[in-house]
Amino acid sequence: MSDQGLNRPAPQALDLLQSRRSGSAKAMVGPGPSDEQIRTLLACATRVPDHGKLVPWRFILFAGDARARAGDVLATAIASADPAAGPERVAQERGRFQRAPLVIGVVSKPRTGVPIPEWEQVLSAGACCQTLLMAAHAMGFVANWITEWYAYDRNVLAAMGLSPEERIAGFIYVGHPREPLVERPRPDLASIVTAF
């Protein structure tokens, strides 16, 4: 048996993992990914662990005019939920999806009646989110995994086409940083690692 490829470091991959960081959606600019790049991002996201091959997730793309339509949904929802919301708040919600050139909604859709625990299926959707972040970083984009209030508002989710059993694992905002990203402190491994 050949050991070719075993124990060989992949420095570019490790550099990629160790350099990824989130960029603020508020500070993103275009251009966003091309159609081909979007297909690549999504193809990467489908390679996550998926116990039972259930595909317990799906994706919603918000690009171009769809971002404004999504903003209209948010503006309507906040005005309905909070009659005291002023014009500034309504305008803020209307512009949320336009902060980045592309937003990918990752929908968690666990299957029932199968032996795979729901928790594992939800974690698989979370893995889609993380993989999208890494793939975007590998392509030279910056990305941010966001939920915010609208990920939990059933009226908003229904308007986006989610069934009552589906939830948003995250909205992945993708673009370019307006300014260079600043590294933030990371946890000290000694404080989070124990040996059993």
N, C-alpha and C. Protein backbone atom coordinates (compact mmCIF):
# COMPACT_ATOMS: atom_id res chain seq x y z
N MET A 1 0.85 -1.19 0.00
CA MET A 1 0.00 0.00 0.00
C MET A 1 0.89 1.24 0.00
N SER A 2 0.62 2.14 -0.88
CA SER A 2 1.41 3.36 -0.98
C SER A 2 0.95 4.36 0.05
N ASP A 3 1.91 5.07 0.60
CA ASP A 3 1.56 6.15 1.54
C ASP A 3 1.65 7.50 0.85
N GLN A 4 1.64 7.47 -0.47
CA GLN A 4 1.75 8.71 -1.23
C GLN A 4 0.60 9.64 -0.85
N GLY A 5 0.92 10.84 -0.48
CA GLY A 5 -0.11 11.81 -0.12
C GLY A 5 -0.43 11.83 1.36
N LEU A 6 -0.04 10.79 2.10
CA LEU A 6 -0.32 10.77 3.53
C LEU A 6 0.71 11.62 4.27
N ASN A 7 0.27 12.29 5.29
CA ASN A 7 1.14 13.11 6.14
C ASN A 7 1.87 14.21 5.40
N ARG A 8 1.36 14.58 4.23
CA ARG A 8 1.95 15.71 3.51
C ARG A 8 1.17 16.95 3.87
N PRO A 9 1.85 17.97 4.35
CA PRO A 9 1.10 19.20 4.67
C PRO A 9 0.61 19.89 3.40
N ALA A 10 -0.51 20.54 3.52
CA ALA A 10 -1.05 21.35 2.42
C ALA A 10 -0.99 22.79 2.87
N PRO A 11 0.19 23.43 2.72
CA PRO A 11 0.37 24.75 3.30
C PRO A 11 -0.65 25.78 2.83
N GLN A 12 -1.03 25.73 1.54
CA GLN A 12 -1.98 26.73 1.08
C GLN A 12 -3.33 26.56 1.78
N ALA A 13 -3.75 25.31 1.98
CA ALA A 13 -5.02 25.06 2.65
C ALA A 13 -4.96 25.51 4.11
N LEU A 14 -3.85 25.23 4.76
CA LEU A 14 -3.71 25.64 6.16
C LEU A 14 -3.66 27.16 6.28
N ASP A 15 -2.94 27.80 5.36
CA ASP A 15 -2.91 29.27 5.36
C ASP A 15 -4.31 29.84 5.17
N LEU A 16 -5.07 29.21 4.28
CA LEU A 16 -6.44 29.65 4.03
C LEU A 16 -7.27 29.55 5.30
N LEU A 17 -7.20 28.40 5.97
CA LEU A 17 -7.98 28.19 7.20
C LEU A 17 -7.58 29.17 8.29
N GLN A 18 -6.28 29.44 8.37
CA GLN A 18 -5.79 30.30 9.46
C GLN A 18 -5.91 31.79 9.15
N SER A 19 -6.25 32.14 7.93
CA SER A 19 -6.37 33.56 7.58
C SER A 19 -7.82 34.01 7.39
N ARG A 20 -8.77 33.07 7.38
CA ARG A 20 -10.16 33.46 7.17
C ARG A 20 -10.66 34.29 8.34
N ARG A 21 -11.38 35.32 8.01
CA ARG A 21 -12.05 36.11 9.04
C ARG A 21 -13.27 36.76 8.40
N SER A 22 -14.23 37.08 9.23
CA SER A 22 -15.45 37.70 8.72
C SER A 22 -15.20 39.17 8.41
N GLY A 23 -15.90 39.65 7.40
CA GLY A 23 -15.88 41.06 7.08
C GLY A 23 -17.28 41.62 7.30
N SER A 24 -17.38 42.79 7.82
CA SER A 24 -18.68 43.39 8.10
C SER A 24 -19.51 43.52 6.83
N ALA A 25 -20.77 43.08 6.92
CA ALA A 25 -21.67 43.23 5.77
C ALA A 25 -21.87 44.71 5.43
N LYS A 26 -21.85 45.56 6.46
CA LYS A 26 -22.04 47.00 6.26
C LYS A 26 -20.91 47.62 5.47
N ALA A 27 -19.75 46.96 5.46
CA ALA A 27 -18.57 47.53 4.80
C ALA A 27 -18.19 46.75 3.55
N MET A 28 -19.17 46.07 2.94
CA MET A 28 -18.89 45.33 1.71
C MET A 28 -19.23 46.16 0.48
N VAL A 29 -18.47 45.90 -0.57
CA VAL A 29 -18.71 46.55 -1.86
C VAL A 29 -18.64 45.48 -2.94
N GLY A 30 -19.06 45.83 -4.14
CA GLY A 30 -18.99 44.93 -5.28
C GLY A 30 -17.62 45.01 -5.92
N PRO A 31 -17.41 44.25 -6.94
CA PRO A 31 -18.40 43.33 -7.51
C PRO A 31 -18.52 42.06 -6.69
N GLY A 32 -19.67 41.42 -6.86
CA GLY A 32 -19.89 40.14 -6.22
C GLY A 32 -19.45 39.01 -7.12
N PRO A 33 -19.66 37.79 -6.68
CA PRO A 33 -19.28 36.63 -7.49
C PRO A 33 -20.07 36.57 -8.79
N SER A 34 -19.43 36.07 -9.83
CA SER A 34 -20.11 35.83 -11.10
C SER A 34 -21.02 34.61 -10.96
N ASP A 35 -21.83 34.36 -11.96
CA ASP A 35 -22.71 33.18 -11.92
C ASP A 35 -21.88 31.90 -11.78
N GLU A 36 -20.78 31.83 -12.49
CA GLU A 36 -19.92 30.64 -12.40
C GLU A 36 -19.33 30.50 -11.00
N GLN A 37 -18.90 31.62 -10.42
CA GLN A 37 -18.35 31.58 -9.06
C GLN A 37 -19.43 31.19 -8.05
N ILE A 38 -20.65 31.66 -8.25
CA ILE A 38 -21.74 31.28 -7.35
C ILE A 38 -21.98 29.77 -7.43
N ARG A 39 -21.96 29.22 -8.64
CA ARG A 39 -22.13 27.76 -8.78
C ARG A 39 -21.02 27.03 -8.04
N THR A 40 -19.80 27.54 -8.12
CA THR A 40 -18.68 26.92 -7.42
C THR A 40 -18.87 27.00 -5.91
N LEU A 41 -19.28 28.17 -5.42
CA LEU A 41 -19.55 28.31 -3.97
C LEU A 41 -20.57 27.27 -3.51
N LEU A 42 -21.66 27.15 -4.26
CA LEU A 42 -22.73 26.23 -3.87
C LEU A 42 -22.28 24.77 -4.00
N ALA A 43 -21.49 24.48 -5.04
CA ALA A 43 -20.98 23.11 -5.19
C ALA A 43 -20.08 22.75 -4.01
N CYS A 44 -19.28 23.70 -3.54
CA CYS A 44 -18.45 23.45 -2.35
C CYS A 44 -19.33 23.20 -1.13
N ALA A 45 -20.38 23.98 -0.99
CA ALA A 45 -21.26 23.86 0.18
C ALA A 45 -21.97 22.52 0.23
N THR A 46 -22.15 21.86 -0.90
CA THR A 46 -22.83 20.57 -0.90
C THR A 46 -21.91 19.41 -0.52
N ARG A 47 -20.64 19.70 -0.27
CA ARG A 47 -19.68 18.64 0.06
C ARG A 47 -19.49 18.49 1.56
N VAL A 48 -20.40 19.02 2.35
CA VAL A 48 -20.30 18.93 3.80
C VAL A 48 -20.71 17.54 4.27
N PRO A 49 -20.33 17.16 5.50
CA PRO A 49 -20.82 15.90 6.05
C PRO A 49 -22.35 15.89 6.07
N ASP A 50 -22.92 14.78 5.64
CA ASP A 50 -24.38 14.66 5.53
C ASP A 50 -24.75 13.21 5.84
N HIS A 51 -24.85 12.91 7.12
CA HIS A 51 -25.14 11.54 7.59
C HIS A 51 -26.46 11.07 6.97
N GLY A 52 -26.40 9.96 6.26
CA GLY A 52 -27.59 9.40 5.63
C GLY A 52 -27.87 9.96 4.24
N LYS A 53 -27.01 10.87 3.78
CA LYS A 53 -27.22 11.50 2.45
C LYS A 53 -28.63 12.07 2.33
N LEU A 54 -29.04 12.82 3.34
CA LEU A 54 -30.41 13.35 3.40
C LEU A 54 -30.56 14.69 2.69
N VAL A 55 -29.45 15.39 2.47
CA VAL A 55 -29.47 16.76 1.92
C VAL A 55 -30.47 17.60 2.74
N PRO A 56 -30.18 17.79 4.04
CA PRO A 56 -31.12 18.50 4.91
C PRO A 56 -30.95 20.01 4.88
N TRP A 57 -30.71 20.55 3.72
CA TRP A 57 -30.50 21.98 3.54
C TRP A 57 -30.76 22.33 2.08
N ARG A 58 -30.98 23.62 1.86
CA ARG A 58 -31.11 24.15 0.51
C ARG A 58 -30.67 25.61 0.56
N PHE A 59 -30.60 26.25 -0.60
CA PHE A 59 -30.05 27.61 -0.68
C PHE A 59 -31.02 28.55 -1.39
N ILE A 60 -31.04 29.79 -0.94
CA ILE A 60 -31.80 30.86 -1.61
C ILE A 60 -30.80 31.95 -1.97
N LEU A 61 -30.79 32.35 -3.24
CA LEU A 61 -29.87 33.40 -3.68
C LEU A 61 -30.58 34.75 -3.73
N PHE A 62 -29.95 35.74 -3.16
CA PHE A 62 -30.43 37.12 -3.20
C PHE A 62 -29.36 37.94 -3.91
N ALA A 63 -29.58 38.24 -5.18
CA ALA A 63 -28.62 39.03 -5.96
C ALA A 63 -29.41 39.99 -6.84
N GLY A 64 -28.76 41.04 -7.28
CA GLY A 64 -29.44 42.00 -8.16
C GLY A 64 -30.70 42.56 -7.52
N ASP A 65 -31.78 42.60 -8.30
CA ASP A 65 -33.05 43.18 -7.82
C ASP A 65 -33.68 42.37 -6.69
N ALA A 66 -33.32 41.10 -6.57
CA ALA A 66 -33.89 40.27 -5.50
C ALA A 66 -33.54 40.82 -4.13
N ARG A 67 -32.40 41.49 -4.02
CA ARG A 67 -32.01 42.08 -2.73
C ARG A 67 -32.98 43.17 -2.32
N ALA A 68 -33.43 43.98 -3.29
CA ALA A 68 -34.40 45.04 -3.00
C ALA A 68 -35.76 44.43 -2.64
N ARG A 69 -36.15 43.37 -3.35
CA ARG A 69 -37.42 42.72 -3.03
C ARG A 69 -37.40 42.13 -1.62
N ALA A 70 -36.26 41.54 -1.25
CA ALA A 70 -36.12 41.02 0.11
C ALA A 70 -36.19 42.16 1.12
N GLY A 71 -35.59 43.29 0.79
CA GLY A 71 -35.66 44.46 1.67
C GLY A 71 -37.09 44.95 1.85
N ASP A 72 -37.88 44.89 0.79
CA ASP A 72 -39.29 45.28 0.91
C ASP A 72 -40.02 44.36 1.89
N VAL A 73 -39.68 43.06 1.86
CA VAL A 73 -40.28 42.11 2.79
C VAL A 73 -39.93 42.49 4.23
N LEU A 74 -38.67 42.82 4.46
CA LEU A 74 -38.23 43.19 5.81
C LEU A 74 -38.89 44.48 6.27
N ALA A 75 -38.97 45.47 5.38
CA ALA A 75 -39.59 46.76 5.73
C ALA A 75 -41.06 46.56 6.10
N THR A 76 -41.76 45.76 5.32
CA THR A 76 -43.17 45.49 5.61
C THR A 76 -43.31 44.77 6.93
N ALA A 77 -42.44 43.78 7.18
CA ALA A 77 -42.52 42.99 8.41
C ALA A 77 -42.25 43.85 9.64
N ILE A 78 -41.25 44.73 9.57
CA ILE A 78 -40.93 45.53 10.76
C ILE A 78 -42.01 46.58 11.00
N ALA A 79 -42.57 47.15 9.95
CA ALA A 79 -43.65 48.13 10.10
C ALA A 79 -44.89 47.48 10.70
N SER A 80 -45.12 46.22 10.35
CA SER A 80 -46.27 45.50 10.88
C SER A 80 -46.04 45.07 12.33
N ALA A 81 -44.84 44.59 12.62
CA ALA A 81 -44.53 44.09 13.97
C ALA A 81 -44.35 45.22 14.98
N ASP A 82 -43.88 46.37 14.51
CA ASP A 82 -43.59 47.49 15.41
C ASP A 82 -44.14 48.78 14.81
N PRO A 83 -45.41 49.08 15.11
CA PRO A 83 -46.02 50.30 14.54
C PRO A 83 -45.27 51.58 14.91
N ALA A 84 -44.45 51.51 15.97
CA ALA A 84 -43.68 52.69 16.38
C ALA A 84 -42.38 52.83 15.60
N ALA A 85 -42.09 51.86 14.75
CA ALA A 85 -40.85 51.95 13.95
C ALA A 85 -40.91 53.17 13.05
N GLY A 86 -39.94 54.03 13.18
CA GLY A 86 -39.91 55.25 12.38
C GLY A 86 -39.38 55.00 10.98
N PRO A 87 -39.40 56.03 10.15
CA PRO A 87 -38.92 55.91 8.77
C PRO A 87 -37.47 55.46 8.67
N GLU A 88 -36.64 55.88 9.64
CA GLU A 88 -35.23 55.47 9.60
C GLU A 88 -35.09 53.97 9.78
N ARG A 89 -35.84 53.42 10.74
CA ARG A 89 -35.77 51.97 10.99
C ARG A 89 -36.29 51.20 9.78
N VAL A 90 -37.40 51.65 9.20
CA VAL A 90 -37.96 50.98 8.04
C VAL A 90 -36.96 51.03 6.87
N ALA A 91 -36.32 52.18 6.69
CA ALA A 91 -35.33 52.32 5.61
C ALA A 91 -34.12 51.42 5.86
N GLN A 92 -33.73 51.29 7.14
CA GLN A 92 -32.61 50.41 7.49
C GLN A 92 -32.92 48.97 7.09
N GLU A 93 -34.13 48.53 7.41
CA GLU A 93 -34.51 47.15 7.06
C GLU A 93 -34.61 46.98 5.55
N ARG A 94 -35.11 47.99 4.87
CA ARG A 94 -35.24 47.91 3.41
C ARG A 94 -33.86 47.74 2.75
N GLY A 95 -32.84 48.29 3.38
CA GLY A 95 -31.50 48.23 2.78
C GLY A 95 -30.63 47.08 3.24
N ARG A 96 -31.13 46.24 4.15
CA ARG A 96 -30.29 45.18 4.73
C ARG A 96 -29.66 44.25 3.69
N PHE A 97 -30.44 43.77 2.76
CA PHE A 97 -29.92 42.81 1.80
C PHE A 97 -29.09 43.48 0.71
N GLN A 98 -29.05 44.79 0.70
CA GLN A 98 -28.24 45.50 -0.29
C GLN A 98 -26.88 45.89 0.26
N ARG A 99 -26.58 45.44 1.47
CA ARG A 99 -25.27 45.72 2.05
C ARG A 99 -24.16 45.00 1.30
N ALA A 100 -24.48 43.89 0.67
CA ALA A 100 -23.49 43.10 -0.07
C ALA A 100 -24.04 42.78 -1.44
N PRO A 101 -23.17 42.53 -2.41
CA PRO A 101 -23.67 42.22 -3.75
C PRO A 101 -24.37 40.86 -3.85
N LEU A 102 -24.08 39.95 -2.92
CA LEU A 102 -24.73 38.64 -2.91
C LEU A 102 -25.02 38.21 -1.48
N VAL A 103 -26.21 37.69 -1.28
CA VAL A 103 -26.56 37.06 -0.01
C VAL A 103 -27.08 35.67 -0.33
N ILE A 104 -26.53 34.68 0.36
CA ILE A 104 -26.98 33.29 0.19
C ILE A 104 -27.69 32.87 1.47
N GLY A 105 -28.97 32.57 1.36
CA GLY A 105 -29.70 32.04 2.51
C GLY A 105 -29.51 30.54 2.57
N VAL A 106 -29.03 30.05 3.71
CA VAL A 106 -28.87 28.61 3.91
C VAL A 106 -30.05 28.15 4.76
N VAL A 107 -30.88 27.32 4.16
CA VAL A 107 -32.11 26.86 4.81
C VAL A 107 -31.87 25.46 5.37
N SER A 108 -32.15 25.31 6.67
CA SER A 108 -32.08 24.02 7.32
C SER A 108 -33.44 23.35 7.19
N LYS A 109 -33.47 22.16 6.60
CA LYS A 109 -34.74 21.45 6.41
C LYS A 109 -34.59 20.00 6.85
N PRO A 110 -34.54 19.78 8.17
CA PRO A 110 -34.35 18.43 8.68
C PRO A 110 -35.48 17.49 8.23
N ARG A 111 -35.11 16.27 7.93
CA ARG A 111 -36.08 15.25 7.56
C ARG A 111 -36.55 14.54 8.81
N THR A 112 -37.82 14.22 8.84
CA THR A 112 -38.38 13.45 9.95
C THR A 112 -38.63 12.02 9.49
N GLY A 113 -38.84 11.13 10.45
CA GLY A 113 -39.11 9.74 10.11
C GLY A 113 -37.89 9.00 9.61
N VAL A 114 -36.70 9.51 9.93
CA VAL A 114 -35.46 8.85 9.54
C VAL A 114 -34.64 8.62 10.81
N PRO A 115 -33.70 7.66 10.78
CA PRO A 115 -32.94 7.39 12.01
C PRO A 115 -31.86 8.42 12.33
N ILE A 116 -31.62 9.36 11.43
CA ILE A 116 -30.58 10.36 11.66
C ILE A 116 -31.14 11.45 12.58
N PRO A 117 -30.48 11.71 13.72
CA PRO A 117 -31.00 12.74 14.63
C PRO A 117 -31.12 14.11 13.96
N GLU A 118 -32.16 14.85 14.33
CA GLU A 118 -32.36 16.19 13.77
C GLU A 118 -31.14 17.07 14.02
N TRP A 119 -30.54 16.95 15.20
CA TRP A 119 -29.39 17.78 15.55
C TRP A 119 -28.26 17.61 14.53
N GLU A 120 -28.01 16.38 14.09
CA GLU A 120 -26.96 16.15 13.10
C GLU A 120 -27.30 16.82 11.77
N GLN A 121 -28.58 16.82 11.43
CA GLN A 121 -29.01 17.45 10.18
C GLN A 121 -28.86 18.97 10.26
N VAL A 122 -29.15 19.53 11.43
CA VAL A 122 -28.99 20.98 11.63
C VAL A 122 -27.50 21.35 11.57
N LEU A 123 -26.67 20.52 12.19
CA LEU A 123 -25.23 20.78 12.13
C LEU A 123 -24.72 20.73 10.70
N SER A 124 -25.29 19.86 9.88
CA SER A 124 -24.89 19.78 8.48
C SER A 124 -25.19 21.10 7.76
N ALA A 125 -26.34 21.70 8.07
CA ALA A 125 -26.66 23.01 7.49
C ALA A 125 -25.66 24.07 7.95
N GLY A 126 -25.28 23.99 9.23
CA GLY A 126 -24.26 24.92 9.73
C GLY A 126 -22.93 24.72 9.02
N ALA A 127 -22.61 23.47 8.71
CA ALA A 127 -21.38 23.18 7.96
C ALA A 127 -21.44 23.80 6.56
N CYS A 128 -22.64 23.84 5.97
CA CYS A 128 -22.80 24.52 4.67
C CYS A 128 -22.40 25.99 4.80
N CYS A 129 -22.86 26.62 5.87
CA CYS A 129 -22.55 28.04 6.09
C CYS A 129 -21.04 28.24 6.19
N GLN A 130 -20.38 27.43 7.01
CA GLN A 130 -18.94 27.58 7.19
C GLN A 130 -18.19 27.31 5.89
N THR A 131 -18.63 26.32 5.14
CA THR A 131 -17.97 26.00 3.88
C THR A 131 -18.13 27.14 2.88
N LEU A 132 -19.30 27.78 2.86
CA LEU A 132 -19.49 28.94 2.00
C LEU A 132 -18.51 30.06 2.38
N LEU A 133 -18.31 30.27 3.69
CA LEU A 133 -17.36 31.29 4.14
C LEU A 133 -15.95 30.96 3.64
N MET A 134 -15.56 29.70 3.78
CA MET A 134 -14.21 29.31 3.38
C MET A 134 -14.04 29.39 1.85
N ALA A 135 -15.05 28.95 1.12
CA ALA A 135 -14.96 28.99 -0.35
C ALA A 135 -14.89 30.43 -0.85
N ALA A 136 -15.68 31.31 -0.24
CA ALA A 136 -15.64 32.72 -0.62
C ALA A 136 -14.26 33.30 -0.34
N HIS A 137 -13.70 32.96 0.80
CA HIS A 137 -12.36 33.43 1.16
C HIS A 137 -11.33 32.91 0.14
N ALA A 138 -11.46 31.64 -0.24
CA ALA A 138 -10.52 31.06 -1.20
C ALA A 138 -10.60 31.76 -2.55
N MET A 139 -11.77 32.32 -2.89
CA MET A 139 -11.95 33.01 -4.16
C MET A 139 -11.54 34.48 -4.10
N GLY A 140 -11.14 34.94 -2.92
CA GLY A 140 -10.72 36.33 -2.80
C GLY A 140 -11.82 37.28 -2.36
N PHE A 141 -12.96 36.72 -1.95
CA PHE A 141 -14.05 37.55 -1.44
C PHE A 141 -13.98 37.60 0.08
N VAL A 142 -14.78 38.46 0.65
CA VAL A 142 -14.98 38.47 2.09
C VAL A 142 -16.43 38.06 2.31
N ALA A 143 -16.70 37.37 3.41
CA ALA A 143 -18.05 36.89 3.67
C ALA A 143 -18.38 37.05 5.15
N ASN A 144 -19.67 37.07 5.44
CA ASN A 144 -20.13 37.20 6.83
C ASN A 144 -21.37 36.34 6.99
N TRP A 145 -21.40 35.55 8.05
CA TRP A 145 -22.52 34.66 8.39
C TRP A 145 -23.39 35.41 9.39
N ILE A 146 -24.59 35.75 8.97
CA ILE A 146 -25.48 36.58 9.78
C ILE A 146 -26.84 35.90 9.90
N THR A 147 -27.49 36.09 11.05
CA THR A 147 -28.89 35.71 11.15
C THR A 147 -29.72 36.98 11.33
N GLU A 148 -29.58 37.66 12.43
CA GLU A 148 -30.38 38.85 12.76
C GLU A 148 -31.86 38.48 12.90
N TRP A 149 -32.67 39.43 13.25
CA TRP A 149 -34.07 39.17 13.64
C TRP A 149 -34.88 38.49 12.55
N TYR A 150 -34.61 38.82 11.30
CA TYR A 150 -35.43 38.33 10.20
C TYR A 150 -35.25 36.83 9.94
N ALA A 151 -34.18 36.25 10.48
CA ALA A 151 -33.99 34.81 10.33
C ALA A 151 -34.96 34.03 11.22
N TYR A 152 -35.60 34.72 12.16
CA TYR A 152 -36.49 34.06 13.12
C TYR A 152 -37.94 34.53 12.99
N ASP A 153 -38.20 35.42 12.06
CA ASP A 153 -39.55 35.95 11.88
C ASP A 153 -40.29 35.07 10.88
N ARG A 154 -41.34 34.38 11.36
CA ARG A 154 -42.02 33.41 10.49
C ARG A 154 -42.70 34.09 9.30
N ASN A 155 -43.15 35.33 9.45
CA ASN A 155 -43.76 36.02 8.32
C ASN A 155 -42.73 36.30 7.23
N VAL A 156 -41.54 36.72 7.64
CA VAL A 156 -40.46 36.94 6.68
C VAL A 156 -40.08 35.63 6.01
N LEU A 157 -39.93 34.59 6.81
CA LEU A 157 -39.52 33.31 6.24
C LEU A 157 -40.56 32.77 5.27
N ALA A 158 -41.84 32.94 5.59
CA ALA A 158 -42.89 32.49 4.67
C ALA A 158 -42.81 33.27 3.36
N ALA A 159 -42.56 34.57 3.46
CA ALA A 159 -42.45 35.39 2.24
C ALA A 159 -41.24 35.00 1.40
N MET A 160 -40.23 34.40 2.04
CA MET A 160 -39.05 33.93 1.32
C MET A 160 -39.21 32.50 0.82
N GLY A 161 -40.36 31.90 1.09
CA GLY A 161 -40.64 30.56 0.57
C GLY A 161 -40.30 29.41 1.48
N LEU A 162 -40.03 29.69 2.77
CA LEU A 162 -39.74 28.61 3.70
C LEU A 162 -41.02 27.99 4.23
N SER A 163 -41.02 26.70 4.38
CA SER A 163 -42.15 26.01 4.99
C SER A 163 -42.05 26.16 6.51
N PRO A 164 -43.14 25.87 7.24
CA PRO A 164 -43.08 26.00 8.71
C PRO A 164 -42.02 25.12 9.36
N GLU A 165 -41.62 24.04 8.69
CA GLU A 165 -40.62 23.13 9.27
C GLU A 165 -39.19 23.58 8.98
N GLU A 166 -39.03 24.56 8.11
CA GLU A 166 -37.70 25.01 7.73
C GLU A 166 -37.26 26.21 8.56
N ARG A 167 -35.94 26.31 8.74
CA ARG A 167 -35.36 27.45 9.45
C ARG A 167 -34.15 27.96 8.68
N ILE A 168 -33.77 29.17 8.99
CA ILE A 168 -32.56 29.75 8.39
C ILE A 168 -31.37 29.39 9.27
N ALA A 169 -30.39 28.70 8.67
CA ALA A 169 -29.14 28.44 9.39
C ALA A 169 -28.26 29.69 9.34
N GLY A 170 -28.39 30.45 8.27
CA GLY A 170 -27.63 31.68 8.18
C GLY A 170 -27.83 32.34 6.83
N PHE A 171 -27.62 33.64 6.82
CA PHE A 171 -27.54 34.41 5.59
C PHE A 171 -26.05 34.71 5.40
N ILE A 172 -25.49 34.27 4.29
CA ILE A 172 -24.07 34.47 4.03
C ILE A 172 -23.93 35.65 3.07
N TYR A 173 -23.41 36.75 3.57
CA TYR A 173 -23.19 37.96 2.77
C TYR A 173 -21.81 37.85 2.13
N VAL A 174 -21.74 38.09 0.82
CA VAL A 174 -20.48 37.92 0.09
C VAL A 174 -20.19 39.17 -0.74
N GLY A 175 -18.98 39.67 -0.64
CA GLY A 175 -18.57 40.83 -1.42
C GLY A 175 -17.08 41.06 -1.28
N HIS A 176 -16.68 42.29 -1.38
CA HIS A 176 -15.29 42.69 -1.17
C HIS A 176 -15.27 43.70 -0.02
N PRO A 177 -14.20 43.71 0.77
CA PRO A 177 -14.14 44.67 1.88
C PRO A 177 -13.87 46.08 1.37
N ARG A 178 -14.58 47.04 1.93
CA ARG A 178 -14.33 48.43 1.57
C ARG A 178 -12.97 48.88 2.10
N GLU A 179 -12.58 48.31 3.25
CA GLU A 179 -11.30 48.63 3.87
C GLU A 179 -10.60 47.33 4.24
N PRO A 180 -9.28 47.36 4.42
CA PRO A 180 -8.58 46.13 4.82
C PRO A 180 -9.14 45.59 6.13
N LEU A 181 -9.25 44.27 6.20
CA LEU A 181 -9.77 43.64 7.41
C LEU A 181 -8.73 43.69 8.52
N VAL A 182 -9.19 43.86 9.73
CA VAL A 182 -8.30 43.89 10.89
C VAL A 182 -8.48 42.59 11.66
N GLU A 183 -7.39 41.94 11.97
CA GLU A 183 -7.45 40.68 12.71
C GLU A 183 -7.93 40.95 14.14
N ARG A 184 -8.72 40.05 14.67
CA ARG A 184 -9.18 40.17 16.05
C ARG A 184 -8.51 39.11 16.90
N PRO A 185 -8.45 39.32 18.20
CA PRO A 185 -7.83 38.30 19.06
C PRO A 185 -8.59 36.99 18.97
N ARG A 186 -7.86 35.90 18.98
CA ARG A 186 -8.45 34.56 18.97
C ARG A 186 -8.27 33.93 20.34
N PRO A 187 -9.12 32.94 20.68
CA PRO A 187 -9.00 32.36 22.01
C PRO A 187 -7.66 31.67 22.24
N ASP A 188 -7.20 31.74 23.48
CA ASP A 188 -5.99 31.04 23.87
C ASP A 188 -6.34 29.55 23.96
N LEU A 189 -5.63 28.72 23.20
CA LEU A 189 -5.96 27.30 23.18
C LEU A 189 -5.92 26.66 24.57
N ALA A 190 -5.02 27.14 25.42
CA ALA A 190 -4.92 26.56 26.76
C ALA A 190 -6.20 26.75 27.56
N SER A 191 -6.98 27.77 27.21
CA SER A 191 -8.19 28.03 27.98
C SER A 191 -9.42 27.27 27.45
N ILE A 192 -9.29 26.63 26.29
CA ILE A 192 -10.44 25.96 25.71
C ILE A 192 -10.19 24.48 25.38
N VAL A 193 -8.99 23.99 25.65
CA VAL A 193 -8.65 22.60 25.32
C VAL A 193 -8.30 21.85 26.59
N THR A 194 -8.93 20.68 26.75
CA THR A 194 -8.57 19.79 27.86
C THR A 194 -8.29 18.41 27.28
N ALA A 195 -7.54 17.62 28.02
CA ALA A 195 -7.27 16.25 27.63
C ALA A 195 -8.13 15.33 28.49
N PHE A 196 -8.72 14.33 27.89
CA PHE A 196 -9.57 13.39 28.63
C PHE A 196 -8.72 12.23 29.10
